[in-house]
Amino acid sequence: MEDNHVFELTPTRRLALILGGFLSILLIPLIAMQFTDEVQWSVFDFIVAGVLLSGTGVTLELLLRKFKTFKTRFIAGAVLFIIFFLIWAELAVGIFGTPFAGN
């Protein structure tokens, strides 16, 4: 019996999914801006979010290529996402009080 590798997630496919995911996330505020005045993003906001999301996605792909075991991939990915969410929260509301704070 032949192995079916149609659904095998190659690094190239994985990177395409990651980048497609970040573009999909950026569509959410863009669509919300069409229906409500509560979401008011400028072009700069989209650029910052795009850089942060794509940087995180590409870094995740590099980590997945570097680490081979599930345990090391999980730990590296968890650390990456914690850093991502801390940066995102700082830019949004300023939890650390840096000059980049959003409030």
Protein backbone atom coordinates (compact mmCIF):
# COMPACT_ATOMS: atom_id res chain seq x y z
CA MET A 1 0.00 0.00 0.00
CA GLU A 2 1.28 3.45 -0.93
CA ASP A 3 1.69 6.24 1.61
CA ASN A 4 -0.44 9.25 0.85
CA HIS A 5 1.57 12.43 1.45
CA VAL A 6 -1.05 14.83 0.10
CA PHE A 7 -1.72 16.30 3.55
CA GLU A 8 1.90 16.37 4.68
CA LEU A 9 2.73 19.81 6.06
CA THR A 10 6.02 20.78 4.45
CA PRO A 11 7.92 23.83 5.73
CA THR A 12 6.87 25.79 2.64
CA ARG A 13 3.19 24.97 3.14
CA ARG A 14 3.49 25.73 6.85
CA LEU A 15 5.02 29.15 6.11
CA ALA A 16 2.24 29.87 3.60
CA LEU A 17 -0.37 28.97 6.24
CA ILE A 18 1.32 31.17 8.83
CA LEU A 19 1.48 34.16 6.49
CA GLY A 20 -2.08 33.54 5.30
CA GLY A 21 -3.18 33.44 8.92
CA PHE A 22 -1.57 36.78 9.71
CA LEU A 23 -3.22 38.37 6.67
CA SER A 24 -6.57 36.96 7.80
CA ILE A 25 -6.07 38.44 11.26
CA LEU A 26 -5.33 41.84 9.72
CA LEU A 27 -8.60 41.65 7.78
CA ILE A 28 -10.63 41.58 11.01
CA PRO A 29 -10.11 45.25 11.98
CA LEU A 30 -10.30 46.31 8.33
CA ILE A 31 -13.74 44.73 7.98
CA ALA A 32 -14.84 45.99 11.42
CA MET A 33 -13.97 49.56 10.41
CA GLN A 34 -16.56 49.30 7.62
CA PHE A 35 -19.40 48.55 10.06
CA THR A 36 -18.63 50.51 13.23
CA ASP A 37 -16.90 53.64 14.44
CA GLU A 38 -15.55 51.78 17.49
CA VAL A 39 -12.59 50.45 15.50
CA GLN A 40 -10.37 53.27 14.27
CA TRP A 41 -7.06 51.99 12.92
CA SER A 42 -4.71 54.16 10.92
CA VAL A 43 -2.37 52.93 8.20
CA PHE A 44 0.42 53.01 10.80
CA ASP A 45 -1.58 50.66 13.06
CA PHE A 46 -1.92 48.17 10.22
CA ILE A 47 1.80 48.42 9.45
CA VAL A 48 2.79 47.85 13.09
CA ALA A 49 0.37 44.93 13.46
CA GLY A 50 1.57 43.45 10.16
CA VAL A 51 5.23 43.68 11.16
CA LEU A 52 4.51 42.19 14.59
CA LEU A 53 2.36 39.35 13.24
CA SER A 54 4.59 38.50 10.28
CA GLY A 55 7.73 38.71 12.43
CA THR A 56 6.18 36.34 14.93
CA GLY A 57 5.06 33.99 12.16
CA VAL A 58 8.44 33.88 10.45
CA THR A 59 10.18 33.43 13.81
CA LEU A 60 7.82 30.55 14.60
CA GLU A 61 8.67 28.91 11.27
CA LEU A 62 12.40 29.28 11.97
CA LEU A 63 11.94 27.76 15.43
CA LEU A 64 9.97 24.84 13.99
CA ARG A 65 12.72 24.20 11.44
CA LYS A 66 15.47 24.41 14.07
CA PHE A 67 13.92 22.27 16.82
CA LYS A 68 12.93 18.71 15.97
CA THR A 69 11.31 17.30 19.12
CA PHE A 70 7.79 18.18 20.21
CA LYS A 71 8.95 19.29 23.66
CA THR A 72 11.50 21.82 22.41
CA ARG A 73 9.12 23.09 19.72
CA PHE A 74 6.37 23.53 22.29
CA ILE A 75 8.60 25.40 24.75
CA ALA A 76 10.09 27.65 22.05
CA GLY A 77 6.65 28.37 20.61
CA ALA A 78 5.19 29.13 24.03
CA VAL A 79 8.03 31.56 24.83
CA LEU A 80 7.58 33.22 21.43
CA PHE A 81 3.83 33.67 21.93
CA ILE A 82 4.29 35.03 25.47
CA ILE A 83 6.73 37.61 24.10
CA PHE A 84 4.31 38.40 21.25
CA PHE A 85 1.37 38.95 23.61
CA LEU A 86 3.45 41.08 26.00
CA ILE A 87 4.55 43.33 23.13
CA TRP A 88 0.99 43.48 21.79
CA ALA A 89 -0.40 44.41 25.23
CA GLU A 90 2.28 47.05 25.73
CA LEU A 91 1.49 48.63 22.38
CA ALA A 92 -2.26 48.48 23.07
CA VAL A 93 -2.55 49.68 26.67
CA GLY A 94 0.93 50.22 28.10
CA ILE A 95 1.27 47.65 30.89
CA PHE A 96 4.97 48.42 31.43
CA GLY A 97 4.93 52.18 30.92
CA THR A 98 7.48 52.31 28.11
CA PRO A 99 7.53 55.15 25.56
CA PHE A 100 5.79 52.78 23.12
CA ALA A 101 2.71 52.48 25.34
CA GLY A 102 -0.59 52.82 23.55
CA ASN A 103 -2.41 54.94 26.13
